[in-house]
Amino acid sequence: MRSVRFGLLLLTVLTACTVSGDLQPATSVVTGGATPTSPAEPSATTSTPSASEVYRIVAPSLGFVQTPLATGSGILISGGLLVTNAHVVWPFRSADVSFLDGSGATGLPVVGVDWGADLAMIDVSSIDGLPAATELAMTDYASGDRVYLIGFPAEDPNAPEPAITTGIISRTRTWADGGLRFIQSDALISGGQSGGALVDADGSIIGITSLEIGEGFALALDGADVAARIAEILSGRDPSGVGGRWLDDLETEEPPEPAAHFLDELVWVFDATEGDEIVIEAKAQTPLSGSIIGPDGFLETTMEGGILTFTAELDGPHFVAVVPDAGLEARIELVSNVELTLLRDPDHGSTIAVGGLEFGNIDYPGDLDWFSIELAENQTIVVTASSPNADMGLYVGPLSDLTGDDARSDSDSGAGVIGADAEVRYTANSAGTHIIGVYDETQFGPGAYALRVDAG
């Protein structure tokens, strides 16, 4: 079993996309036996379609999404666009898509992304014989309503076929800071169903599934919110408010600045192919800690004696994160047998004020962000980090003594959309600059978060 960087099990938040090479049998209640090529009309003898009729209505418009790293699901909408989750396609700007009728294409471009809502759009208009598009319903729903979840759990890439599960809406959840509403149901969800359809009893798509929370509950973004965010993306706006966060957006040729403190990690990215032997040496005037994180968010190796070495198990981008063990500043240099590219993180060193709300982004698995705030002596604040896509963690302390007894941390306050927001009540024992560290404990990534500072 591959280990997580912080040694945590992903019990609270489980991704619902499947990492290639780790396929498990699909868990489904009903699967399609035939291969429909167009939506079927509901039976005329009943006002409510059966599960098989709902499947025949929705399944043709669902796309199977595959990248070199993972598989997932998507929903075909008008304009030749397939809507899926951003984490399904990350870190690639293109994906392969196929439909139940056999149509499909490779290398299709990702033309829009919303890191806050975990949405991405793939242009599938070049596919010949594209199935009929579907619509996101704007219907009312309530706890107890029957729903279906249709997607591609743990699918065989050579013969993908959607699976359908059923359950009821258990409740709704709201990300207040992000203005998003989520539908929770007990319909079975499994890896590969990210970007799939949550469907009501009439066969209307009311949400896009993304995560499994708790003991198997599925979480889906409300269809009205999905439609609104898509409209913003298509109009050229950035609904997440975090700007461009693809890896190539973050790459820089500038020499690295000295690491200011132990929360100010420096990160490089390199591409590796399975079987590559990687050796990296870190040099600085102070002891360092470092690690290499794979594209799936798992820890590959940690630094020993300034050396990082491992054999790559996956193809794709890997991340080298290095921080000083002690002191307030360290100039770090890396020597490697692979080409390293330094990443510039917009969320390193941003300022926030009391009463402020800032949106940041987990740009890659294991990303550690930090913000600075000016406080008076004995001033008390309440710091909250929230996200529907991540298990947030917080670390708050004075810049003058970040590792001292005055520092406070929280890994799981139990609040928020997925019950995994972090909250710290902090009193400054001295006037001056204080540091707020923000991170995702599960190393899921990518995804936006909200950082709020209120007076205590």
Protein backbone atom coordinates (compact mmCIF):
# COMPACT_ATOMS: atom_id res chain seq x y z
CA MET A 1 0.00 0.00 0.00
CA ARG A 2 1.35 3.40 -0.99
CA SER A 3 1.67 5.75 1.99
CA VAL A 4 0.21 9.23 2.38
CA ARG A 5 2.64 12.07 3.06
CA PHE A 6 1.28 12.80 6.53
CA GLY A 7 0.52 9.16 7.30
CA LEU A 8 -3.25 9.67 7.26
CA LEU A 9 -5.92 7.30 6.01
CA LEU A 10 -8.48 8.81 3.66
CA LEU A 11 -11.45 7.92 5.85
CA THR A 12 -13.29 11.23 5.73
CA VAL A 13 -12.97 12.16 2.07
CA LEU A 14 -12.54 9.60 -0.67
CA THR A 15 -12.06 10.62 -4.27
CA ALA A 16 -14.53 9.10 -6.67
CA CYS A 17 -12.22 8.88 -9.64
CA THR A 18 -10.17 5.76 -10.30
CA VAL A 19 -6.38 5.82 -10.57
CA SER A 20 -5.26 3.84 -13.60
CA GLY A 21 -3.77 0.48 -12.74
CA ASP A 22 -5.83 0.09 -9.56
CA LEU A 23 -9.18 -1.06 -10.92
CA GLN A 24 -11.65 -2.89 -8.71
CA PRO A 25 -14.95 -4.61 -9.65
CA ALA A 26 -17.72 -2.08 -10.21
CA THR A 27 -20.36 -1.90 -7.50
CA SER A 28 -23.72 -1.56 -9.19
CA VAL A 29 -27.33 -2.39 -8.55
CA VAL A 30 -28.44 -2.25 -12.17
CA THR A 31 -26.28 -2.20 -15.27
CA GLY A 32 -27.28 -1.87 -18.89
CA GLY A 33 -27.48 -5.14 -20.72
CA ALA A 34 -28.14 -3.70 -24.17
CA THR A 35 -26.35 -0.81 -25.85
CA PRO A 36 -28.90 1.94 -26.49
CA THR A 37 -28.05 4.55 -29.05
CA SER A 38 -30.66 7.14 -28.19
CA PRO A 39 -32.75 8.09 -25.14
CA ALA A 40 -35.85 6.00 -24.67
CA GLU A 41 -39.23 7.40 -23.74
CA PRO A 42 -40.59 6.51 -20.27
CA SER A 43 -43.26 3.84 -20.21
CA ALA A 44 -46.71 5.16 -21.05
CA THR A 45 -48.30 2.94 -18.40
CA THR A 46 -46.74 4.72 -15.42
CA SER A 47 -46.00 8.29 -14.48
CA THR A 48 -42.66 7.35 -12.90
CA PRO A 49 -40.01 5.54 -14.97
CA SER A 50 -38.47 2.34 -13.69
CA ALA A 51 -34.76 2.11 -12.91
CA SER A 52 -34.07 0.48 -16.28
CA GLU A 53 -35.99 3.25 -18.06
CA VAL A 54 -34.04 5.92 -16.18
CA TYR A 55 -30.86 4.18 -17.26
CA ARG A 56 -31.94 4.17 -20.91
CA ILE A 57 -32.80 7.87 -20.68
CA VAL A 58 -29.51 9.02 -19.14
CA ALA A 59 -26.75 6.49 -19.95
CA PRO A 60 -26.24 7.42 -23.64
CA SER A 61 -25.25 10.99 -22.69
CA LEU A 62 -22.64 9.90 -20.14
CA GLY A 63 -19.02 9.91 -21.24
CA PHE A 64 -16.19 7.73 -19.97
CA VAL A 65 -13.19 9.99 -19.29
CA GLN A 66 -9.64 8.68 -19.24
CA THR A 67 -6.23 10.32 -18.73
CA PRO A 68 -2.81 8.68 -18.28
CA LEU A 69 -3.43 8.85 -14.53
CA ALA A 70 -7.13 8.23 -13.86
CA THR A 71 -10.61 7.49 -15.15
CA GLY A 72 -13.90 9.20 -14.44
CA SER A 73 -17.31 10.12 -15.79
CA GLY A 74 -18.83 13.11 -17.56
CA ILE A 75 -22.17 14.50 -18.71
CA LEU A 76 -22.73 15.63 -22.29
CA ILE A 77 -24.45 19.03 -22.49
CA SER A 78 -25.30 21.32 -25.40
CA GLY A 79 -22.52 22.96 -27.38
CA GLY A 80 -20.48 19.76 -27.67
CA LEU A 81 -19.24 20.01 -24.09
CA LEU A 82 -18.71 17.24 -21.56
CA VAL A 83 -18.87 18.35 -17.91
CA THR A 84 -16.79 16.40 -15.40
CA ASN A 85 -14.83 17.02 -12.22
CA ALA A 86 -11.60 19.01 -12.39
CA HIS A 87 -9.82 16.37 -10.33
CA VAL A 88 -10.66 13.76 -12.99
CA VAL A 89 -8.59 15.49 -15.68
CA TRP A 90 -5.90 17.18 -13.54
CA PRO A 91 -3.00 17.63 -14.24
CA PHE A 92 -3.65 17.07 -17.95
CA ARG A 93 -5.19 19.60 -20.32
CA SER A 94 -6.66 16.89 -22.54
CA ALA A 95 -8.47 13.59 -22.06
CA ASP A 96 -9.89 10.62 -23.96
CA VAL A 97 -13.69 10.33 -24.02
CA SER A 98 -15.99 7.52 -25.19
CA PHE A 99 -19.72 6.92 -25.04
CA LEU A 100 -21.93 3.86 -24.64
CA ASP A 101 -22.72 3.73 -28.37
CA GLY A 102 -19.02 3.34 -29.18
CA SER A 103 -18.34 6.90 -30.33
CA GLY A 104 -15.34 8.69 -28.88
CA ALA A 105 -11.98 10.32 -29.48
CA THR A 106 -8.59 10.77 -27.85
CA GLY A 107 -6.72 13.90 -26.85
CA LEU A 108 -9.78 16.12 -26.50
CA PRO A 109 -9.01 19.55 -25.01
CA VAL A 110 -10.11 20.73 -21.57
CA VAL A 111 -11.60 24.15 -22.37
CA GLY A 112 -12.70 25.42 -18.97
CA VAL A 113 -12.18 24.72 -15.29
CA ASP A 114 -13.58 25.87 -11.95
CA TRP A 115 -11.27 24.85 -9.10
CA GLY A 116 -13.78 25.92 -6.43
CA ALA A 117 -16.67 23.82 -7.74
CA ASP A 118 -14.32 21.06 -8.96
CA LEU A 119 -15.70 21.32 -12.50
CA ALA A 120 -14.03 20.95 -15.87
CA MET A 121 -15.38 21.04 -19.43
CA ILE A 122 -14.01 18.94 -22.28
CA ASP A 123 -14.69 19.91 -25.90
CA VAL A 124 -16.10 16.73 -27.48
CA SER A 125 -17.64 18.44 -30.52
CA SER A 126 -15.14 16.77 -32.87
CA ILE A 127 -16.55 13.29 -32.13
CA ASP A 128 -18.44 11.88 -35.10
CA GLY A 129 -21.96 10.71 -34.30
CA LEU A 130 -22.02 12.44 -30.93
CA PRO A 131 -24.97 11.20 -28.80
CA ALA A 132 -27.84 13.50 -27.95
CA ALA A 133 -26.98 16.05 -25.24
CA THR A 134 -28.80 16.19 -21.94
CA GLU A 135 -29.82 19.08 -19.70
CA LEU A 136 -29.24 19.86 -16.06
CA ALA A 137 -32.62 20.00 -14.36
CA MET A 138 -33.74 22.96 -12.24
CA THR A 139 -36.35 20.95 -10.37
CA ASP A 140 -37.08 20.93 -6.66
CA TYR A 141 -36.05 18.00 -4.50
CA ALA A 142 -36.19 17.10 -0.84
CA SER A 143 -34.74 14.66 1.68
CA GLY A 144 -36.29 11.25 1.15
CA ASP A 145 -36.70 11.61 -2.62
CA ARG A 146 -35.65 8.63 -4.73
CA VAL A 147 -32.48 9.21 -6.79
CA TYR A 148 -30.13 7.27 -9.06
CA LEU A 149 -26.40 7.61 -9.54
CA ILE A 150 -25.07 6.73 -12.99
CA GLY A 151 -21.37 6.66 -13.86
CA PHE A 152 -18.36 4.47 -14.59
CA PRO A 153 -17.13 2.90 -11.32
CA ALA A 154 -13.79 1.06 -11.56
CA GLU A 155 -14.39 0.66 -15.27
CA ASP A 156 -12.53 -1.44 -17.82
CA PRO A 157 -11.11 1.19 -20.23
CA ASN A 158 -11.40 -1.27 -23.11
CA ALA A 159 -15.15 -1.77 -22.72
CA PRO A 160 -16.62 1.00 -20.55
CA GLU A 161 -20.29 0.69 -19.63
CA PRO A 162 -22.15 2.93 -17.17
CA ALA A 163 -23.50 1.44 -13.95
CA ILE A 164 -26.55 2.63 -12.03
CA THR A 165 -27.17 2.58 -8.29
CA THR A 166 -30.16 3.85 -6.36
CA GLY A 167 -30.95 5.41 -3.02
CA ILE A 168 -32.59 8.45 -1.49
CA ILE A 169 -31.56 12.03 -0.86
CA SER A 170 -30.42 12.03 2.75
CA ARG A 171 -29.85 15.79 3.09
CA THR A 172 -28.30 18.83 1.45
CA ARG A 173 -25.06 20.54 2.45
CA THR A 174 -23.91 24.09 1.75
CA TRP A 175 -20.47 25.62 1.31
CA ALA A 176 -21.44 29.05 2.61
CA ASP A 177 -18.18 30.82 1.73
CA GLY A 178 -18.25 29.46 -1.81
CA GLY A 179 -21.98 29.78 -2.41
CA LEU A 180 -22.42 26.14 -3.47
CA ARG A 181 -25.07 23.58 -2.56
CA PHE A 182 -24.47 19.83 -2.49
CA ILE A 183 -26.87 16.89 -2.48
CA GLN A 184 -26.04 13.94 -0.25
CA SER A 185 -27.51 10.53 -1.01
CA ASP A 186 -27.00 6.94 0.07
CA ALA A 187 -26.73 5.69 -3.52
CA LEU A 188 -23.57 3.61 -3.84
CA ILE A 189 -20.57 5.47 -5.23
CA SER A 190 -17.16 4.09 -6.14
CA GLY A 191 -13.93 5.14 -7.82
CA GLY A 192 -14.55 6.27 -11.40
CA GLN A 193 -17.93 7.88 -10.76
CA SER A 194 -16.54 11.38 -10.29
CA GLY A 195 -18.33 13.59 -12.81
CA GLY A 196 -21.27 11.19 -13.06
CA ALA A 197 -24.98 11.98 -12.94
CA LEU A 198 -27.25 12.18 -9.91
CA VAL A 199 -30.71 11.61 -11.37
CA ASP A 200 -34.18 12.06 -9.86
CA ALA A 201 -37.03 9.55 -10.14
CA ASP A 202 -38.25 11.18 -13.38
CA GLY A 203 -34.89 10.71 -15.12
CA SER A 204 -33.77 14.35 -14.79
CA ILE A 205 -30.13 15.07 -13.90
CA ILE A 206 -30.14 17.12 -10.69
CA GLY A 207 -26.45 17.02 -9.80
CA ILE A 208 -22.91 15.97 -10.69
CA THR A 209 -21.29 13.49 -8.31
CA SER A 210 -17.80 14.07 -7.00
CA LEU A 211 -17.00 12.51 -3.62
CA GLU A 212 -17.77 9.73 -1.21
CA ILE A 213 -18.08 10.91 2.39
CA GLY A 214 -18.59 9.12 5.68
CA GLU A 215 -19.66 5.51 5.31
CA GLY A 216 -20.41 5.47 1.61
CA PHE A 217 -22.60 8.55 1.14
CA ALA A 218 -22.34 10.16 -2.29
CA LEU A 219 -21.99 13.93 -2.62
CA ALA A 220 -23.14 15.75 -5.76
CA LEU A 221 -23.01 19.42 -6.71
CA ASP A 222 -26.52 20.79 -7.30
CA GLY A 223 -27.40 20.99 -11.00
CA ALA A 224 -28.47 24.63 -10.80
CA ASP A 225 -25.08 25.55 -9.33
CA VAL A 226 -23.32 23.52 -12.02
CA ALA A 227 -25.25 25.37 -14.75
CA ALA A 228 -24.50 28.75 -13.19
CA ARG A 229 -20.78 28.04 -12.88
CA ILE A 230 -20.62 26.74 -16.46
CA ALA A 231 -22.27 29.93 -17.68
CA GLU A 232 -19.62 31.98 -15.89
CA ILE A 233 -16.78 29.95 -17.38
CA LEU A 234 -18.22 30.25 -20.88
CA SER A 235 -18.52 34.02 -20.43
CA GLY A 236 -14.80 34.22 -19.65
CA ARG A 237 -15.10 34.77 -15.90
CA ASP A 238 -13.33 32.83 -13.15
CA PRO A 239 -16.03 31.71 -10.68
CA SER A 240 -13.46 30.24 -8.28
CA GLY A 241 -11.58 33.53 -7.94
CA VAL A 242 -8.16 31.86 -7.79
CA GLY A 243 -7.00 32.40 -11.37
CA GLY A 244 -4.93 30.05 -13.51
CA ARG A 245 -3.71 27.09 -11.48
CA TRP A 246 -2.64 24.51 -14.04
CA LEU A 247 0.94 23.42 -13.43
CA ASP A 248 2.26 25.30 -16.44
CA ASP A 249 0.57 28.45 -15.10
CA LEU A 250 2.72 28.10 -11.98
CA GLU A 251 6.04 27.29 -13.60
CA THR A 252 8.74 29.95 -13.32
CA GLU A 253 12.32 30.35 -14.53
CA GLU A 254 13.16 32.82 -11.77
CA PRO A 255 15.74 31.57 -9.24
CA PRO A 256 14.14 30.42 -6.00
CA GLU A 257 13.80 32.93 -3.20
CA PRO A 258 15.11 31.86 0.22
CA ALA A 259 12.55 29.86 2.22
CA ALA A 260 11.33 32.30 4.87
CA HIS A 261 10.35 29.70 7.51
CA PHE A 262 9.34 26.06 7.90
CA LEU A 263 5.88 26.68 6.39
CA ASP A 264 7.41 28.31 3.30
CA GLU A 265 8.06 25.17 1.30
CA LEU A 266 9.80 25.37 -2.04
CA VAL A 267 8.33 23.04 -4.66
CA TRP A 268 9.74 21.73 -7.92
CA VAL A 269 7.98 19.49 -10.43
CA PHE A 270 9.46 16.86 -12.73
CA ASP A 271 8.00 14.31 -15.12
CA ALA A 272 8.78 10.67 -14.51
CA THR A 273 8.00 7.37 -16.20
CA GLU A 274 7.37 4.17 -14.29
CA GLY A 275 10.72 2.58 -13.50
CA ASP A 276 12.79 5.78 -13.59
CA GLU A 277 15.47 5.95 -10.89
CA ILE A 278 15.38 9.43 -9.34
CA VAL A 279 18.17 10.97 -7.24
CA ILE A 280 17.90 14.52 -5.88
CA GLU A 281 20.29 16.26 -3.48
CA ALA A 282 19.21 19.36 -1.53
CA LYS A 283 21.80 21.86 -0.31
CA ALA A 284 21.39 24.70 2.20
CA GLN A 285 23.14 26.35 5.14
CA THR A 286 20.60 24.85 7.56
CA PRO A 287 19.13 21.35 8.01
CA LEU A 288 16.30 20.57 5.62
CA SER A 289 13.27 18.32 5.43
CA GLY A 290 11.90 17.19 2.12
CA SER A 291 9.74 14.68 0.31
CA ILE A 292 8.65 13.59 -3.14
CA ILE A 293 4.92 13.27 -3.75
CA GLY A 294 3.58 11.29 -6.68
CA PRO A 295 0.89 12.48 -9.09
CA ASP A 296 -1.68 10.46 -7.14
CA GLY A 297 -0.90 12.31 -3.89
CA PHE A 298 1.04 9.51 -2.24
CA LEU A 299 4.40 9.88 -0.59
CA GLU A 300 7.23 8.41 -2.64
CA THR A 301 10.15 9.10 -0.31
CA THR A 302 11.43 11.43 2.40
CA MET A 303 14.78 13.12 2.69
CA GLU A 304 17.67 11.43 4.44
CA GLY A 305 20.95 13.28 4.80
CA GLY A 306 19.87 15.82 2.23
CA ILE A 307 19.19 13.08 -0.37
CA LEU A 308 15.90 12.05 -2.00
CA THR A 309 15.96 8.85 -4.03
CA PHE A 310 13.22 6.50 -5.29
CA THR A 311 12.00 4.45 -8.24
CA ALA A 312 8.93 5.93 -9.96
CA GLU A 313 5.80 3.78 -9.80
CA LEU A 314 3.57 5.99 -11.96
CA ASP A 315 3.90 8.09 -15.10
CA GLY A 316 3.28 11.80 -14.72
CA PRO A 317 4.31 14.86 -12.73
CA HIS A 318 6.01 14.38 -9.35
CA PHE A 319 6.58 17.08 -6.76
CA VAL A 320 9.66 17.81 -4.66
CA ALA A 321 8.81 19.80 -1.52
CA VAL A 322 11.65 21.11 0.68
CA VAL A 323 11.50 23.24 3.85
CA PRO A 324 14.09 24.38 6.41
CA ASP A 325 14.07 22.49 9.71
CA ALA A 326 15.13 25.50 11.76
CA GLY A 327 15.77 29.22 11.46
CA LEU A 328 13.72 31.82 9.65
CA GLU A 329 15.40 31.64 6.26
CA ALA A 330 17.24 29.15 4.09
CA ARG A 331 18.52 29.41 0.52
CA ILE A 332 17.91 25.99 -1.01
CA GLU A 333 19.57 24.49 -4.08
CA LEU A 334 18.70 21.16 -5.70
CA VAL A 335 20.95 18.94 -7.80
CA SER A 336 19.19 16.13 -9.67
CA ASN A 337 19.46 13.55 -12.43
CA VAL A 338 16.11 14.77 -13.81
CA GLU A 339 15.03 18.18 -15.06
CA LEU A 340 13.35 20.14 -12.27
CA THR A 341 11.01 23.11 -12.76
CA LEU A 342 10.35 25.51 -9.90
CA LEU A 343 6.70 26.31 -9.16
CA ARG A 344 5.53 29.76 -8.04
CA ASP A 345 2.64 29.49 -5.61
CA PRO A 346 0.37 32.58 -5.51
CA ASP A 347 -0.77 31.55 -2.02
CA HIS A 348 2.67 31.78 -0.46
CA GLY A 349 2.99 34.99 1.50
CA SER A 350 -0.36 36.58 0.66
CA THR A 351 -1.70 38.92 3.33
CA ILE A 352 -5.08 38.74 5.04
CA ALA A 353 -6.70 41.09 7.56
CA VAL A 354 -9.10 40.54 10.42
CA GLY A 355 -12.56 40.33 8.90
CA GLY A 356 -11.07 39.15 5.62
CA LEU A 357 -12.09 36.28 3.35
CA GLU A 358 -9.52 35.01 0.85
CA PHE A 359 -9.74 32.14 -1.63
CA GLY A 360 -6.67 30.00 -2.17
CA ASN A 361 -6.03 26.77 -4.01
CA ILE A 362 -4.46 23.41 -3.33
CA ASP A 363 -2.47 23.39 -6.55
CA TYR A 364 -0.95 19.92 -6.28
CA PRO A 365 -1.06 16.99 -3.84
CA GLY A 366 0.59 18.02 -0.59
CA ASP A 367 0.50 21.76 -1.30
CA LEU A 368 1.27 23.83 1.80
CA ASP A 369 0.14 27.47 1.62
CA TRP A 370 0.72 30.32 4.04
CA PHE A 371 -0.66 33.79 4.66
CA SER A 372 0.56 36.61 6.89
CA ILE A 373 -1.52 38.79 9.20
CA GLU A 374 -0.64 41.76 11.41
CA LEU A 375 -1.96 41.52 14.97
CA ALA A 376 -1.75 43.60 18.13
CA GLU A 377 -0.61 42.14 21.43
CA ASN A 378 -3.39 40.07 23.07
CA GLN A 379 -5.58 40.37 19.96
CA THR A 380 -7.72 37.24 19.47
CA ILE A 381 -8.85 35.93 16.10
CA VAL A 382 -10.78 32.90 14.84
CA VAL A 383 -9.29 31.41 11.67
CA THR A 384 -11.33 29.02 9.51
CA ALA A 385 -10.30 27.08 6.41
CA SER A 386 -13.17 25.49 4.48
CA SER A 387 -13.48 23.49 1.26
CA PRO A 388 -15.90 21.02 -0.31
CA ASN A 389 -12.99 19.23 -1.98
CA ALA A 390 -10.39 18.83 0.77
CA ASP A 391 -9.80 17.97 4.44
CA MET A 392 -8.35 21.29 5.52
CA GLY A 393 -5.69 21.81 8.17
CA LEU A 394 -4.47 25.01 9.86
CA TYR A 395 -1.33 26.13 11.69
CA VAL A 396 -1.14 29.61 13.24
CA GLY A 397 1.79 31.17 15.07
CA PRO A 398 4.03 34.24 15.44
CA LEU A 399 6.62 34.70 12.71
CA SER A 400 9.22 35.32 15.41
CA ASP A 401 8.70 31.85 16.92
CA LEU A 402 6.59 29.66 14.64
CA THR A 403 7.50 26.43 16.39
CA GLY A 404 7.01 27.80 19.91
CA ASP A 405 4.33 27.17 22.52
CA ASP A 406 2.20 30.05 21.24
CA ALA A 407 1.44 28.29 17.94
CA ARG A 408 -1.98 26.66 17.47
CA SER A 409 -3.21 24.08 14.98
CA ASP A 410 -6.34 22.20 13.99
CA SER A 411 -6.81 19.29 11.62
CA ASP A 412 -10.54 18.64 11.78
CA SER A 413 -13.04 20.86 13.55
CA GLY A 414 -15.92 18.71 12.31
CA ALA A 415 -17.68 21.56 10.52
CA GLY A 416 -18.26 22.30 6.84
CA VAL A 417 -19.61 20.53 3.78
CA ILE A 418 -17.76 17.27 4.42
CA GLY A 419 -17.25 17.74 8.18
CA ALA A 420 -13.55 18.38 7.71
CA ASP A 421 -13.05 22.14 7.93
CA ALA A 422 -10.37 23.47 10.27
CA GLU A 423 -10.79 26.23 12.86
CA VAL A 424 -8.27 27.82 15.21
CA ARG A 425 -8.88 30.34 17.98
CA TYR A 426 -5.63 32.22 18.39
CA THR A 427 -4.44 34.99 20.71
CA ALA A 428 -1.33 36.92 19.75
CA ASN A 429 1.06 37.13 22.70
CA SER A 430 3.10 39.77 20.89
CA ALA A 431 2.42 42.48 18.33
CA GLY A 432 3.65 42.02 14.78
CA THR A 433 3.48 39.55 11.91
CA HIS A 434 1.82 36.19 12.42
CA ILE A 435 1.65 33.30 9.96
CA ILE A 436 -1.34 31.15 8.95
CA GLY A 437 -0.44 27.84 7.31
CA VAL A 438 -3.12 26.07 5.22
CA TYR A 439 -2.96 22.53 3.83
CA ASP A 440 -5.04 19.53 2.75
CA GLU A 441 -4.50 16.56 5.05
CA THR A 442 -5.60 13.98 2.50
CA GLN A 443 -3.29 15.37 -0.21
CA PHE A 444 -6.19 15.02 -2.62
CA GLY A 445 -5.71 18.16 -4.71
CA PRO A 446 -6.43 20.16 -6.67
CA GLY A 447 -9.20 22.36 -5.29
CA ALA A 448 -10.00 25.80 -3.97
CA TYR A 449 -10.57 26.68 -0.32
CA ALA A 450 -11.79 29.68 1.62
CA LEU A 451 -9.69 31.22 4.39
CA ARG A 452 -11.62 33.42 6.81
CA VAL A 453 -10.32 35.48 9.74
CA ASP A 454 -12.85 36.84 12.23
CA ALA A 455 -12.36 38.81 15.42
CA GLY A 456 -12.35 36.50 18.45
